[in-house]
C-alpha cells in the first residue's frame, strides 16, 4: 500500500506542476492523463507488490484477495494527498512521496525477512 501511495502522491505532485496557474478553464489534456494513468498505476503497483510479498502463501485465492485489499486500501490512503497538498503544497507532497517510499522499502525488507525465517 505504501508503494502505491508513493506513486499516487508523485502523480499528484506532477499534476500540480502541470496545472495552469491561472484560474481559467481546466485543462483536460496532460494533467488529466497524468492523473488518470498515475492513479491506476499506483493502485496496480500496490496489488502487484502485495502479490509478490505474499508469495510464501500457497493459495492463489488468498494472495489475490489480500492483493485486492491492498489495492483498495491504497485508494483510501491516497485521500491523504488532498489535505497535504492544501496545507503544505508541493513540498508536502514531495515529503509524502519520500515518506511512502521509505516506509514501503522498510516494510518490504521486513516482509522478506519474515518470509525467509524458518
Protein backbone atom coordinates (compact mmCIF):
# COMPACT_ATOMS: atom_id res chain seq x y z
CA UNK A 1 0.00 0.00 0.00
CA UNK A 2 2.84 2.40 0.80
CA UNK A 3 4.41 1.88 -2.62
CA UNK A 4 1.11 2.62 -4.31
CA UNK A 5 0.70 5.73 -2.17
CA UNK A 6 4.17 6.89 -3.26
CA UNK A 7 3.17 6.63 -6.91
CA UNK A 8 -0.16 8.40 -6.35
CA UNK A 9 1.49 11.18 -4.34
CA UNK A 10 4.11 11.62 -7.07
CA UNK A 11 1.28 11.75 -9.59
CA UNK A 12 -0.49 14.43 -7.58
CA UNK A 13 2.75 16.40 -7.43
CA UNK A 14 3.19 16.08 -11.20
CA UNK A 15 -0.38 17.22 -11.84
CA UNK A 16 0.16 20.21 -9.56
CA UNK A 17 3.25 21.16 -11.57
CA UNK A 18 1.45 20.70 -14.92
CA UNK A 19 -1.66 22.61 -13.92
CA UNK A 20 -2.03 26.13 -15.26
CA UNK A 21 -1.59 28.79 -12.58
CA UNK A 22 -4.45 30.87 -13.97
CA UNK A 23 -7.95 30.33 -12.68
CA UNK A 24 -9.32 29.82 -16.22
CA UNK A 25 -10.93 26.76 -17.71
CA UNK A 26 -9.47 23.47 -16.53
CA UNK A 27 -7.03 21.78 -18.90
CA UNK A 28 -8.18 18.22 -19.64
CA UNK A 29 -5.06 17.39 -21.62
CA UNK A 30 -1.81 16.32 -19.98
CA UNK A 31 -2.79 16.90 -16.32
CA UNK A 32 -5.88 14.73 -16.69
CA UNK A 33 -3.96 11.95 -18.42
CA UNK A 34 -1.19 12.03 -15.81
CA UNK A 35 -3.76 11.91 -13.01
CA UNK A 36 -5.73 9.06 -14.58
CA UNK A 37 -2.82 6.80 -15.50
CA UNK A 38 -0.74 7.65 -12.44
CA UNK A 39 -3.61 6.78 -10.10
CA UNK A 40 -4.25 3.49 -11.89
CA UNK A 41 -0.52 2.74 -11.83
CA UNK A 42 -0.35 3.34 -8.07
CA UNK A 43 -3.32 1.08 -7.38
CA UNK A 44 -1.93 -1.62 -9.66
CA UNK A 45 1.53 -1.36 -8.10
CA UNK A 46 0.07 -1.83 -4.63
CA UNK A 47 -1.65 -5.04 -5.78
CA UNK A 48 1.46 -6.36 -7.56
CA UNK A 49 3.75 -5.65 -4.61
CA UNK A 50 1.33 -7.37 -2.25
CA UNK A 51 1.10 -10.36 -4.61
CA UNK A 52 4.89 -10.66 -4.76
CA UNK A 53 5.36 -10.27 -1.00
CA UNK A 54 2.69 -12.88 -0.33
CA UNK A 55 4.44 -15.48 -2.48
CA UNK A 56 5.06 -17.78 0.54
CA UNK A 57 1.29 -18.33 0.69
CA UNK A 58 0.33 -21.37 -1.30
CA UNK A 59 -3.20 -20.28 -2.07
CA UNK A 60 -3.63 -18.01 -5.09
CA UNK A 61 -7.10 -17.20 -3.77
CA UNK A 62 -5.68 -15.76 -0.53
CA UNK A 63 -2.87 -13.95 -2.32
CA UNK A 64 -5.33 -12.42 -4.77
CA UNK A 65 -7.78 -11.41 -2.08
CA UNK A 66 -5.13 -9.76 0.06
CA UNK A 67 -3.66 -8.06 -3.02
CA UNK A 68 -7.06 -6.58 -3.83
CA UNK A 69 -7.40 -5.41 -0.23
CA UNK A 70 -4.04 -3.68 -0.57
CA UNK A 71 -5.15 -2.02 -3.81
CA UNK A 72 -8.39 -0.75 -2.28
CA UNK A 73 -6.57 0.41 0.85
CA UNK A 74 -4.33 2.47 -1.41
CA UNK A 75 -7.44 4.28 -2.65
CA UNK A 76 -8.26 5.21 0.94
CA UNK A 77 -4.67 6.19 1.77
CA UNK A 78 -4.34 8.37 -1.31
CA UNK A 79 -7.00 10.66 0.12
CA UNK A 80 -4.19 11.96 2.36
CA UNK A 81 -2.80 13.77 -0.69
CA UNK A 82 -5.65 16.30 -0.58
CA UNK A 83 -5.01 17.83 2.86
CA UNK A 84 -1.24 17.54 2.43
CA UNK A 85 -1.41 19.45 -0.84
CA UNK A 86 -3.72 22.10 0.58
CA UNK A 87 -1.76 22.60 3.79
CA UNK A 88 1.85 22.15 2.67
CA UNK A 89 1.75 22.39 -1.14
CA UNK A 90 4.38 20.81 -3.34
CA UNK A 91 6.87 20.47 -0.50
CA UNK A 92 4.38 18.44 1.50
CA UNK A 93 3.63 16.19 -1.47
CA UNK A 94 7.34 15.62 -2.05
CA UNK A 95 7.69 14.73 1.63
CA UNK A 96 4.76 12.33 1.37
CA UNK A 97 6.39 10.65 -1.63
CA UNK A 98 9.67 10.27 0.27
CA UNK A 99 7.97 9.03 3.43
CA UNK A 100 5.90 6.49 1.47
CA UNK A 101 8.95 5.21 -0.41
CA UNK A 102 10.98 4.78 2.76
CA UNK A 103 8.07 3.08 4.50
CA UNK A 104 7.47 0.71 1.58
CA UNK A 105 11.15 -0.26 1.43
CA UNK A 106 11.32 -0.89 5.18
CA UNK A 107 8.13 -2.95 5.16
CA UNK A 108 9.22 -4.95 2.11
CA UNK A 109 12.56 -5.73 3.76
CA UNK A 110 10.79 -6.83 6.93
CA UNK A 111 8.30 -8.97 5.00
CA UNK A 112 11.07 -10.71 3.06
CA UNK A 113 13.00 -11.37 6.26
CA UNK A 114 9.90 -12.82 7.91
CA UNK A 115 9.25 -15.00 4.85
CA UNK A 116 12.82 -16.31 4.87
CA UNK A 117 12.73 -17.23 8.58
CA UNK A 118 12.16 -20.93 9.24
